[in-house]
Amino acid sequence: MQYQVFVKNPAESEFMASVIGLPNVTANGMTEKEAIDKLKVILDAQFRNGKLVTIDIDIPSKVTEERSDPWIDNMGIFQDDPTFDDFLAEVNNYRNEVDSIE
């Protein structure tokens, strides 16, 4: 198997190697070669105790991912309500009353 390895030099005389896609598989070394060699040993140990498998998952359709917005779902519900203006006036009066108490 082949793996892509990212090697960086975060500090002088230290190299860090990590396997792309396997963030927990990293190794440090004084040289780039040493870091990569240590990483190979770690990968070898990983695969002696386990294996890679491929699994299938069901991805929800776009319809089930979309969630309805309650503000949009209820928009316009008082459009034809003849008492709605009176209701808003009462809400405004109550707010003014509370504001004057504070």
PDB file of N, CA and C in Angstrom:
ATOM      1  N   MET A   1       0.837  -1.182   0.000  1.00  0.00           N
ATOM      2  CA  MET A   1       0.000   0.000   0.000  1.00  0.00           C
ATOM      3  C   MET A   1       0.876   1.237   0.000  1.00  0.00           C
ATOM      4  N   GLN A   2       0.354   2.281  -0.576  1.00  0.00           N
ATOM      5  CA  GLN A   2       1.056   3.548  -0.584  1.00  0.00           C
ATOM      6  C   GLN A   2       0.229   4.594   0.146  1.00  0.00           C
ATOM      7  N   TYR A   3       0.903   5.433   0.875  1.00  0.00           N
ATOM      8  CA  TYR A   3       0.251   6.507   1.606  1.00  0.00           C
ATOM      9  C   TYR A   3       0.963   7.804   1.322  1.00  0.00           C
ATOM     10  N   GLN A   4       0.224   8.870   1.297  1.00  0.00           N
ATOM     11  CA  GLN A   4       0.834  10.185   1.183  1.00  0.00           C
ATOM     12  C   GLN A   4       1.205  10.642   2.586  1.00  0.00           C
ATOM     13  N   VAL A   5       2.415  11.131   2.725  1.00  0.00           N
ATOM     14  CA  VAL A   5       2.921  11.564   4.020  1.00  0.00           C
ATOM     15  C   VAL A   5       3.252  13.046   3.941  1.00  0.00           C
ATOM     16  N   PHE A   6       2.799  13.773   4.923  1.00  0.00           N
ATOM     17  CA  PHE A   6       3.112  15.196   5.035  1.00  0.00           C
ATOM     18  C   PHE A   6       4.259  15.336   6.024  1.00  0.00           C
ATOM     19  N   VAL A   7       5.344  15.975   5.595  1.00  0.00           N
ATOM     20  CA  VAL A   7       6.512  16.169   6.447  1.00  0.00           C
ATOM     21  C   VAL A   7       6.709  17.664   6.650  1.00  0.00           C
ATOM     22  N   LYS A   8       6.846  18.060   7.908  1.00  0.00           N
ATOM     23  CA  LYS A   8       7.128  19.466   8.180  1.00  0.00           C
ATOM     24  C   LYS A   8       8.288  19.569   9.157  1.00  0.00           C
ATOM     25  N   ASN A   9       8.861  20.727   9.184  1.00  0.00           N
ATOM     26  CA  ASN A   9      10.034  20.998   9.998  1.00  0.00           C
ATOM     27  C   ASN A   9       9.673  22.121  10.975  1.00  0.00           C
ATOM     28  N   PRO A  10       8.914  21.804  12.058  1.00  0.00           N
ATOM     29  CA  PRO A  10       8.422  22.862  12.944  1.00  0.00           C
ATOM     30  C   PRO A  10       9.519  23.540  13.769  1.00  0.00           C
ATOM     31  N   ALA A  11      10.601  22.833  14.024  1.00  0.00           N
ATOM     32  CA  ALA A  11      11.698  23.411  14.798  1.00  0.00           C
ATOM     33  C   ALA A  11      13.008  22.946  14.183  1.00  0.00           C
ATOM     34  N   GLU A  12      14.053  23.698  14.447  1.00  0.00           N
ATOM     35  CA  GLU A  12      15.355  23.324  13.899  1.00  0.00           C
ATOM     36  C   GLU A  12      15.751  21.945  14.419  1.00  0.00           C
ATOM     37  N   SER A  13      16.252  21.119  13.548  1.00  0.00           N
ATOM     38  CA  SER A  13      16.686  19.740  13.831  1.00  0.00           C
ATOM     39  C   SER A  13      15.552  18.854  14.356  1.00  0.00           C
ATOM     40  N   GLU A  14      14.328  19.117  13.895  1.00  0.00           N
ATOM     41  CA  GLU A  14      13.199  18.240  14.232  1.00  0.00           C
ATOM     42  C   GLU A  14      12.274  18.176  13.024  1.00  0.00           C
ATOM     43  N   PHE A  15      11.860  16.987  12.677  1.00  0.00           N
ATOM     44  CA  PHE A  15      10.928  16.795  11.582  1.00  0.00           C
ATOM     45  C   PHE A  15       9.726  16.027  12.111  1.00  0.00           C
ATOM     46  N   MET A  16       8.570  16.339  11.542  1.00  0.00           N
ATOM     47  CA  MET A  16       7.332  15.662  11.938  1.00  0.00           C
ATOM     48  C   MET A  16       6.692  15.121  10.671  1.00  0.00           C
ATOM     49  N   ALA A  17       6.381  13.830  10.674  1.00  0.00           N
ATOM     50  CA  ALA A  17       5.742  13.185   9.527  1.00  0.00           C
ATOM     51  C   ALA A  17       4.372  12.678   9.953  1.00  0.00           C
ATOM     52  N   SER A  18       3.376  12.912   9.112  1.00  0.00           N
ATOM     53  CA  SER A  18       2.030  12.410   9.406  1.00  0.00           C
ATOM     54  C   SER A  18       1.396  11.893   8.126  1.00  0.00           C
ATOM     55  N   VAL A  19       0.568  10.870   8.269  1.00  0.00           N
ATOM     56  CA  VAL A  19      -0.105  10.261   7.129  1.00  0.00           C
ATOM     57  C   VAL A  19      -1.354  11.075   6.813  1.00  0.00           C
ATOM     58  N   ILE A  20      -1.480  11.487   5.553  1.00  0.00           N
ATOM     59  CA  ILE A  20      -2.659  12.233   5.118  1.00  0.00           C
ATOM     60  C   ILE A  20      -3.883  11.334   5.280  1.00  0.00           C
ATOM     61  N   GLY A  21      -4.904  11.854   5.948  1.00  0.00           N
ATOM     62  CA  GLY A  21      -6.135  11.099   6.148  1.00  0.00           C
ATOM     63  C   GLY A  21      -6.147  10.271   7.414  1.00  0.00           C
ATOM     64  N   LEU A  22      -4.997  10.120   8.079  1.00  0.00           N
ATOM     65  CA  LEU A  22      -4.918   9.401   9.353  1.00  0.00           C
ATOM     66  C   LEU A  22      -4.239  10.325  10.364  1.00  0.00           C
ATOM     67  N   PRO A  23      -4.983  11.263  10.934  1.00  0.00           N
ATOM     68  CA  PRO A  23      -4.373  12.301  11.762  1.00  0.00           C
ATOM     69  C   PRO A  23      -3.689  11.783  13.028  1.00  0.00           C
ATOM     70  N   ASN A  24      -4.029  10.601  13.475  1.00  0.00           N
ATOM     71  CA  ASN A  24      -3.414  10.062  14.691  1.00  0.00           C
ATOM     72  C   ASN A  24      -2.109   9.330  14.423  1.00  0.00           C
ATOM     73  N   VAL A  25      -1.723   9.212  13.182  1.00  0.00           N
ATOM     74  CA  VAL A  25      -0.502   8.490  12.826  1.00  0.00           C
ATOM     75  C   VAL A  25       0.570   9.523  12.484  1.00  0.00           C
ATOM     76  N   THR A  26       1.419   9.822  13.475  1.00  0.00           N
ATOM     77  CA  THR A  26       2.490  10.801  13.301  1.00  0.00           C
ATOM     78  C   THR A  26       3.766  10.280  13.941  1.00  0.00           C
ATOM     79  N   ALA A  27       4.896  10.824  13.495  1.00  0.00           N
ATOM     80  CA  ALA A  27       6.188  10.447  14.064  1.00  0.00           C
ATOM     81  C   ALA A  27       7.135  11.637  13.958  1.00  0.00           C
ATOM     82  N   ASN A  28       8.034  11.742  14.910  1.00  0.00           N
ATOM     83  CA  ASN A  28       9.041  12.801  14.930  1.00  0.00           C
ATOM     84  C   ASN A  28      10.419  12.194  14.746  1.00  0.00           C
ATOM     85  N   GLY A  29      11.333  12.974  14.183  1.00  0.00           N
ATOM     86  CA  GLY A  29      12.703  12.525  14.024  1.00  0.00           C
ATOM     87  C   GLY A  29      13.637  13.703  13.864  1.00  0.00           C
ATOM     88  N   MET A  30      14.916  13.448  14.028  1.00  0.00           N
ATOM     89  CA  MET A  30      15.928  14.490  13.872  1.00  0.00           C
ATOM     90  C   MET A  30      16.132  14.848  12.401  1.00  0.00           C
ATOM     91  N   THR A  31      15.807  13.909  11.506  1.00  0.00           N
ATOM     92  CA  THR A  31      15.893  14.152  10.075  1.00  0.00           C
ATOM     93  C   THR A  31      14.573  13.750   9.445  1.00  0.00           C
ATOM     94  N   GLU A  32      14.381  14.168   8.217  1.00  0.00           N
ATOM     95  CA  GLU A  32      13.172  13.791   7.494  1.00  0.00           C
ATOM     96  C   GLU A  32      13.100  12.277   7.323  1.00  0.00           C
ATOM     97  N   LYS A  33      14.199  11.675   6.979  1.00  0.00           N
ATOM     98  CA  LYS A  33      14.253  10.224   6.782  1.00  0.00           C
ATOM     99  C   LYS A  33      13.919   9.491   8.072  1.00  0.00           C
ATOM    100  N   GLU A  34      14.467   9.959   9.189  1.00  0.00           N
ATOM    101  CA  GLU A  34      14.189   9.306  10.472  1.00  0.00           C
ATOM    102  C   GLU A  34      12.709   9.388  10.819  1.00  0.00           C
ATOM    103  N   ALA A  35      12.100  10.541  10.595  1.00  0.00           N
ATOM    104  CA  ALA A  35      10.670  10.700  10.884  1.00  0.00           C
ATOM    105  C   ALA A  35       9.835   9.768  10.011  1.00  0.00           C
ATOM    106  N   ILE A  36      10.194   9.661   8.728  1.00  0.00           N
ATOM    107  CA  ILE A  36       9.449   8.783   7.812  1.00  0.00           C
ATOM    108  C   ILE A  36       9.668   7.317   8.183  1.00  0.00           C
ATOM    109  N   ASP A  37      10.884   6.947   8.536  1.00  0.00           N
ATOM    110  CA  ASP A  37      11.153   5.561   8.934  1.00  0.00           C
ATOM    111  C   ASP A  37      10.363   5.187  10.189  1.00  0.00           C
ATOM    112  N   LYS A  38      10.304   6.096  11.146  1.00  0.00           N
ATOM    113  CA  LYS A  38       9.515   5.831  12.363  1.00  0.00           C
ATOM    114  C   LYS A  38       8.032   5.706  12.014  1.00  0.00           C
ATOM    115  N   LEU A  39       7.589   6.530  11.086  1.00  0.00           N
ATOM    116  CA  LEU A  39       6.189   6.475  10.671  1.00  0.00           C
ATOM    117  C   LEU A  39       5.862   5.134  10.025  1.00  0.00           C
ATOM    118  N   LYS A  40       6.776   4.598   9.242  1.00  0.00           N
ATOM    119  CA  LYS A  40       6.575   3.278   8.627  1.00  0.00           C
ATOM    120  C   LYS A  40       6.430   2.204   9.693  1.00  0.00           C
ATOM    121  N   VAL A  41       7.221   2.282  10.749  1.00  0.00           N
ATOM    122  CA  VAL A  41       7.135   1.303  11.843  1.00  0.00           C
ATOM    123  C   VAL A  41       5.780   1.415  12.540  1.00  0.00           C
ATOM    124  N   ILE A  42       5.329   2.646  12.753  1.00  0.00           N
ATOM    125  CA  ILE A  42       4.023   2.857  13.408  1.00  0.00           C
ATOM    126  C   ILE A  42       2.897   2.300  12.540  1.00  0.00           C
ATOM    127  N   LEU A  43       2.941   2.572  11.234  1.00  0.00           N
ATOM    128  CA  LEU A  43       1.917   2.041  10.331  1.00  0.00           C
ATOM    129  C   LEU A  43       1.931   0.519  10.309  1.00  0.00           C
ATOM    130  N   ASP A  44       3.116  -0.059  10.283  1.00  0.00           N
ATOM    131  CA  ASP A  44       3.240  -1.515  10.288  1.00  0.00           C
ATOM    132  C   ASP A  44       2.587  -2.097  11.542  1.00  0.00           C
ATOM    133  N   ALA A  45       2.844  -1.476  12.686  1.00  0.00           N
ATOM    134  CA  ALA A  45       2.246  -1.943  13.945  1.00  0.00           C
ATOM    135  C   ALA A  45       0.729  -1.791  13.920  1.00  0.00           C
ATOM    136  N   GLN A  46       0.257  -0.691  13.336  1.00  0.00           N
ATOM    137  CA  GLN A  46      -1.192  -0.469  13.245  1.00  0.00           C
ATOM    138  C   GLN A  46      -1.872  -1.587  12.459  1.00  0.00           C
ATOM    139  N   PHE A  47      -1.269  -1.949  11.320  1.00  0.00           N
ATOM    140  CA  PHE A  47      -1.899  -2.947  10.467  1.00  0.00           C
ATOM    141  C   PHE A  47      -1.697  -4.373  10.955  1.00  0.00           C
ATOM    142  N   ARG A  48      -0.763  -4.590  11.856  1.00  0.00           N
ATOM    143  CA  ARG A  48      -0.643  -5.922  12.463  1.00  0.00           C
ATOM    144  C   ARG A  48      -1.801  -6.179  13.428  1.00  0.00           C
ATOM    145  N   ASN A  49      -2.337  -5.102  14.002  1.00  0.00           N
ATOM    146  CA  ASN A  49      -3.411  -5.226  14.988  1.00  0.00           C
ATOM    147  C   ASN A  49      -4.781  -4.871  14.425  1.00  0.00           C
ATOM    148  N   GLY A  50      -4.842  -4.491  13.187  1.00  0.00           N
ATOM    149  CA  GLY A  50      -6.125  -4.092  12.619  1.00  0.00           C
ATOM    150  C   GLY A  50      -6.066  -4.083  11.110  1.00  0.00           C
ATOM    151  N   LYS A  51      -7.108  -3.576  10.493  1.00  0.00           N
ATOM    152  CA  LYS A  51      -7.162  -3.528   9.043  1.00  0.00           C
ATOM    153  C   LYS A  51      -8.053  -2.384   8.600  1.00  0.00           C
ATOM    154  N   LEU A  52      -7.891  -1.991   7.363  1.00  0.00           N
ATOM    155  CA  LEU A  52      -8.771  -1.003   6.757  1.00  0.00           C
ATOM    156  C   LEU A  52      -9.931  -1.724   6.103  1.00  0.00           C
ATOM    157  N   VAL A  53     -11.119  -1.229   6.315  1.00  0.00           N
ATOM    158  CA  VAL A  53     -12.306  -1.787   5.664  1.00  0.00           C
ATOM    159  C   VAL A  53     -13.070  -0.648   5.010  1.00  0.00           C
ATOM    160  N   THR A  54     -13.855  -0.979   4.021  1.00  0.00           N
ATOM    161  CA  THR A  54     -14.703  -0.004   3.356  1.00  0.00           C
ATOM    162  C   THR A  54     -16.138  -0.266   3.775  1.00  0.00           C
ATOM    163  N   ILE A  55     -16.835   0.799   4.154  1.00  0.00           N
ATOM    164  CA  ILE A  55     -18.233   0.657   4.562  1.00  0.00           C
ATOM    165  C   ILE A  55     -19.103   1.571   3.703  1.00  0.00           C
ATOM    166  N   ASP A  56     -20.369   1.218   3.586  1.00  0.00           N
ATOM    167  CA  ASP A  56     -21.354   2.041   2.900  1.00  0.00           C
ATOM    168  C   ASP A  56     -22.255   2.673   3.942  1.00  0.00           C
ATOM    169  N   ILE A  57     -22.581   3.934   3.735  1.00  0.00           N
ATOM    170  CA  ILE A  57     -23.534   4.601   4.620  1.00  0.00           C
ATOM    171  C   ILE A  57     -24.635   5.208   3.773  1.00  0.00           C
ATOM    172  N   ASP A  58     -25.809   5.309   4.349  1.00  0.00           N
ATOM    173  CA  ASP A  58     -26.925   5.948   3.668  1.00  0.00           C
ATOM    174  C   ASP A  58     -26.872   7.440   3.972  1.00  0.00           C
ATOM    175  N   ILE A  59     -26.795   8.237   2.932  1.00  0.00           N
ATOM    176  CA  ILE A  59     -26.791   9.682   3.092  1.00  0.00           C
ATOM    177  C   ILE A  59     -28.217  10.166   2.915  1.00  0.00           C
ATOM    178  N   PRO A  60     -28.719  10.936   3.884  1.00  0.00           N
ATOM    179  CA  PRO A  60     -30.095  11.406   3.761  1.00  0.00           C
ATOM    180  C   PRO A  60     -30.276  12.259   2.518  1.00  0.00           C
ATOM    181  N   SER A  61     -31.446  12.159   1.934  1.00  0.00           N
ATOM    182  CA  SER A  61     -31.713  12.960   0.746  1.00  0.00           C
ATOM    183  C   SER A  61     -31.809  14.428   1.132  1.00  0.00           C
ATOM    184  N   LYS A  62     -31.696  15.286   0.157  1.00  0.00           N
ATOM    185  CA  LYS A  62     -31.731  16.728   0.388  1.00  0.00           C
ATOM    186  C   LYS A  62     -33.039  17.143   1.048  1.00  0.00           C
ATOM    187  N   VAL A  63     -34.126  16.457   0.720  1.00  0.00           N
ATOM    188  CA  VAL A  63     -35.428  16.805   1.283  1.00  0.00           C
ATOM    189  C   VAL A  63     -35.441  16.593   2.785  1.00  0.00           C
ATOM    190  N   THR A  64     -34.871  15.495   3.276  1.00  0.00           N
ATOM    191  CA  THR A  64     -34.890  15.238   4.707  1.00  0.00           C
ATOM    192  C   THR A  64     -33.879  16.113   5.440  1.00  0.00           C
ATOM    193  N   GLU A  65     -32.846  16.598   4.738  1.00  0.00           N
ATOM    194  CA  GLU A  65     -31.869  17.464   5.382  1.00  0.00           C
ATOM    195  C   GLU A  65     -32.425  18.862   5.597  1.00  0.00           C
ATOM    196  N   GLU A  66     -33.291  19.286   4.678  1.00  0.00           N
ATOM    197  CA  GLU A  66     -33.840  20.629   4.798  1.00  0.00           C
ATOM    198  C   GLU A  66     -34.802  20.676   5.978  1.00  0.00           C
ATOM    199  N   ARG A  67     -34.597  21.680   6.797  1.00  0.00           N
ATOM    200  CA  ARG A  67     -35.497  21.864   7.940  1.00  0.00           C
ATOM    201  C   ARG A  67     -36.365  23.068   7.660  1.00  0.00           C
ATOM    202  N   SER A  68     -37.602  22.975   8.037  1.00  0.00           N
ATOM    203  CA  SER A  68     -38.482  24.104   7.774  1.00  0.00           C
ATOM    204  C   SER A  68     -38.156  25.237   8.743  1.00  0.00           C
ATOM    205  N   ASP A  69     -38.353  26.443   8.288  1.00  0.00           N
ATOM    206  CA  ASP A  69     -38.118  27.640   9.095  1.00  0.00           C
ATOM    207  C   ASP A  69     -39.465  28.072   9.657  1.00  0.00           C
ATOM    208  N   PRO A  70     -39.648  28.039  10.979  1.00  0.00           N
ATOM    209  CA  PRO A  70     -40.958  28.378  11.547  1.00  0.00           C
ATOM    210  C   PRO A  70     -41.382  29.811  11.233  1.00  0.00           C
ATOM    211  N   TRP A  71     -40.419  30.708  11.058  1.00  0.00           N
ATOM    212  CA  TRP A  71     -40.780  32.082  10.717  1.00  0.00           C
ATOM    213  C   TRP A  71     -41.389  32.135   9.315  1.00  0.00           C
ATOM    214  N   ILE A  72     -40.784  31.412   8.388  1.00  0.00           N
ATOM    215  CA  ILE A  72     -41.304  31.402   7.020  1.00  0.00           C
ATOM    216  C   ILE A  72     -42.593  30.588   6.946  1.00  0.00           C
ATOM    217  N   ASP A  73     -42.647  29.471   7.700  1.00  0.00           N
ATOM    218  CA  ASP A  73     -43.845  28.633   7.684  1.00  0.00           C
ATOM    219  C   ASP A  73     -45.069  29.400   8.182  1.00  0.00           C
ATOM    220  N   ASN A  74     -44.872  30.349   9.096  1.00  0.00           N
ATOM    221  CA  ASN A  74     -45.998  31.080   9.689  1.00  0.00           C
ATOM    222  C   ASN A  74     -46.175  32.492   9.130  1.00  0.00           C
ATOM    223  N   MET A  75     -45.378  32.830   8.142  1.00  0.00           N
ATOM    224  CA  MET A  75     -45.457  34.164   7.562  1.00  0.00           C
ATOM    225  C   MET A  75     -46.824  34.366   6.903  1.00  0.00           C
ATOM    226  N   GLY A  76     -47.448  35.471   7.247  1.00  0.00           N
ATOM    227  CA  GLY A  76     -48.722  35.833   6.628  1.00  0.00           C
ATOM    228  C   GLY A  76     -49.946  35.200   7.258  1.00  0.00           C
ATOM    229  N   ILE A  77     -49.804  34.512   8.396  1.00  0.00           N
ATOM    230  CA  ILE A  77     -50.979  33.835   8.969  1.00  0.00           C
ATOM    231  C   ILE A  77     -52.020  34.823   9.492  1.00  0.00           C
ATOM    232  N   PHE A  78     -51.612  36.069   9.784  1.00  0.00           N
ATOM    233  CA  PHE A  78     -52.577  37.067  10.268  1.00  0.00           C
ATOM    234  C   PHE A  78     -52.992  38.042   9.171  1.00  0.00           C
ATOM    235  N   GLN A  79     -52.681  37.706   7.934  1.00  0.00           N
ATOM    236  CA  GLN A  79     -52.938  38.597   6.809  1.00  0.00           C
ATOM    237  C   GLN A  79     -54.409  39.006   6.715  1.00  0.00           C
ATOM    238  N   ASP A  80     -55.295  38.093   6.928  1.00  0.00           N
ATOM    239  CA  ASP A  80     -56.726  38.388   6.788  1.00  0.00           C
ATOM    240  C   ASP A  80     -57.429  38.525   8.139  1.00  0.00           C
ATOM    241  N   ASP A  81     -56.688  38.680   9.210  1.00  0.00           N
ATOM    242  CA  ASP A  81     -57.277  38.801  10.547  1.00  0.00           C
ATOM    243  C   ASP A  81     -57.637  40.259  10.818  1.00  0.00           C
ATOM    244  N   PRO A  82     -58.911  40.574  10.941  1.00  0.00           N
ATOM    245  CA  PRO A  82     -59.316  41.972  11.131  1.00  0.00           C
ATOM    246  C   PRO A  82     -58.929  42.527  12.510  1.00  0.00           C
ATOM    247  N   THR A  83     -58.607  41.653  13.456  1.00  0.00           N
ATOM    248  CA  THR A  83     -58.265  42.126  14.804  1.00  0.00           C
ATOM    249  C   THR A  83     -56.757  42.240  15.022  1.00  0.00           C
ATOM    250  N   PHE A  84     -55.964  41.959  14.016  1.00  0.00           N
ATOM    251  CA  PHE A  84     -54.508  41.944  14.203  1.00  0.00           C
ATOM    252  C   PHE A  84     -53.957  43.336  14.513  1.00  0.00           C
ATOM    253  N   ASP A  85     -54.485  44.384  13.874  1.00  0.00           N
ATOM    254  CA  ASP A  85     -54.028  45.744  14.171  1.00  0.00           C
ATOM    255  C   ASP A  85     -54.326  46.109  15.622  1.00  0.00           C
ATOM    256  N   ASP A  86     -55.481  45.677  16.119  1.00  0.00           N
ATOM    257  CA  ASP A  86     -55.812  45.922  17.533  1.00  0.00           C
ATOM    258  C   ASP A  86     -54.830  45.180  18.446  1.00  0.00           C
ATOM    259  N   PHE A  87     -54.485  43.958  18.066  1.00  0.00           N
ATOM    260  CA  PHE A  87     -53.532  43.168  18.843  1.00  0.00           C
ATOM    261  C   PHE A  87     -52.179  43.882  18.901  1.00  0.00           C
ATOM    262  N   LEU A  88     -51.681  44.366  17.755  1.00  0.00           N
ATOM    263  CA  LEU A  88     -50.402  45.076  17.726  1.00  0.00           C
ATOM    264  C   LEU A  88     -50.444  46.337  18.579  1.00  0.00           C
ATOM    265  N   ALA A  89     -51.571  47.040  18.573  1.00  0.00           N
ATOM    266  CA  ALA A  89     -51.717  48.242  19.405  1.00  0.00           C
ATOM    267  C   ALA A  89     -51.636  47.875  20.885  1.00  0.00           C
ATOM    268  N   GLU A  90     -52.253  46.773  21.279  1.00  0.00           N
ATOM    269  CA  GLU A  90     -52.195  46.319  22.677  1.00  0.00           C
ATOM    270  C   GLU A  90     -50.773  45.932  23.066  1.00  0.00           C
ATOM    271  N   VAL A  91     -50.061  45.250  22.169  1.00  0.00           N
ATOM    272  CA  VAL A  91     -48.666  44.887  22.432  1.00  0.00           C
ATOM    273  C   VAL A  91     -47.838  46.144  22.617  1.00  0.00           C
ATOM    274  N   ASN A  92     -48.038  47.137  21.769  1.00  0.00           N
ATOM    275  CA  ASN A  92     -47.306  48.393  21.869  1.00  0.00           C
ATOM    276  C   ASN A  92     -47.616  49.109  23.184  1.00  0.00           C
ATOM    277  N   ASN A  93     -48.893  49.155  23.573  1.00  0.00           N
ATOM    278  CA  ASN A  93     -49.284  49.787  24.844  1.00  0.00           C
ATOM    279  C   ASN A  93     -48.618  49.080  26.019  1.00  0.00           C
ATOM    280  N   TYR A  94     -48.590  47.749  25.994  1.00  0.00           N
ATOM    281  CA  TYR A  94     -47.969  46.974  27.067  1.00  0.00           C
ATOM    282  C   TYR A  94     -46.465  47.257  27.143  1.00  0.00           C
ATOM    283  N   ARG A  95     -45.821  47.306  26.014  1.00  0.00           N
ATOM    284  CA  ARG A  95     -44.384  47.595  25.985  1.00  0.00           C
ATOM    285  C   ARG A  95     -44.100  48.981  26.555  1.00  0.00           C
ATOM    286  N   ASN A  96     -44.912  49.958  26.170  1.00  0.00           N
ATOM    287  CA  ASN A  96     -44.718  51.306  26.699  1.00  0.00           C
ATOM    288  C   ASN A  96     -44.942  51.341  28.205  1.00  0.00           C
ATOM    289  N   GLU A  97     -45.911  50.590  28.696  1.00  0.00           N
ATOM    290  CA  GLU A  97     -46.189  50.512  30.135  1.00  0.00           C
ATOM    291  C   GLU A  97     -45.015  49.893  30.887  1.00  0.00           C
ATOM    292  N   VAL A  98     -44.472  48.807  30.364  1.00  0.00           N
ATOM    293  CA  VAL A  98     -43.322  48.154  30.991  1.00  0.00           C
ATOM    294  C   VAL A  98     -42.103  49.070  30.963  1.00  0.00           C
ATOM    295  N   ASP A  99     -41.892  49.769  29.841  1.00  0.00           N
ATOM    296  CA  ASP A  99     -40.752  50.667  29.738  1.00  0.00           C
ATOM    297  C   ASP A  99     -40.843  51.811  30.744  1.00  0.00           C
ATOM    298  N   SER A 100     -42.055  52.301  30.998  1.00  0.00           N
ATOM    299  CA  SER A 100     -42.204  53.414  31.934  1.00  0.00           C
ATOM    300  C   SER A 100     -41.977  52.967  33.369  1.00  0.00           C
ATOM    301  N   ILE A 101     -42.257  51.712  33.676  1.00  0.00           N
ATOM    302  CA  ILE A 101     -42.020  51.181  35.038  1.00  0.00           C
ATOM    303  C   ILE A 101     -40.532  51.030  35.292  1.00  0.00           C
ATOM    304  N   GLU A 102     -39.787  50.602  34.305  1.00  0.00           N
ATOM    305  CA  GLU A 102     -38.348  50.396  34.447  1.00  0.00           C
ATOM    306  C   GLU A 102     -37.673  51.722  34.466  1.00  0.00           C
TER     307      GLU A 102
END
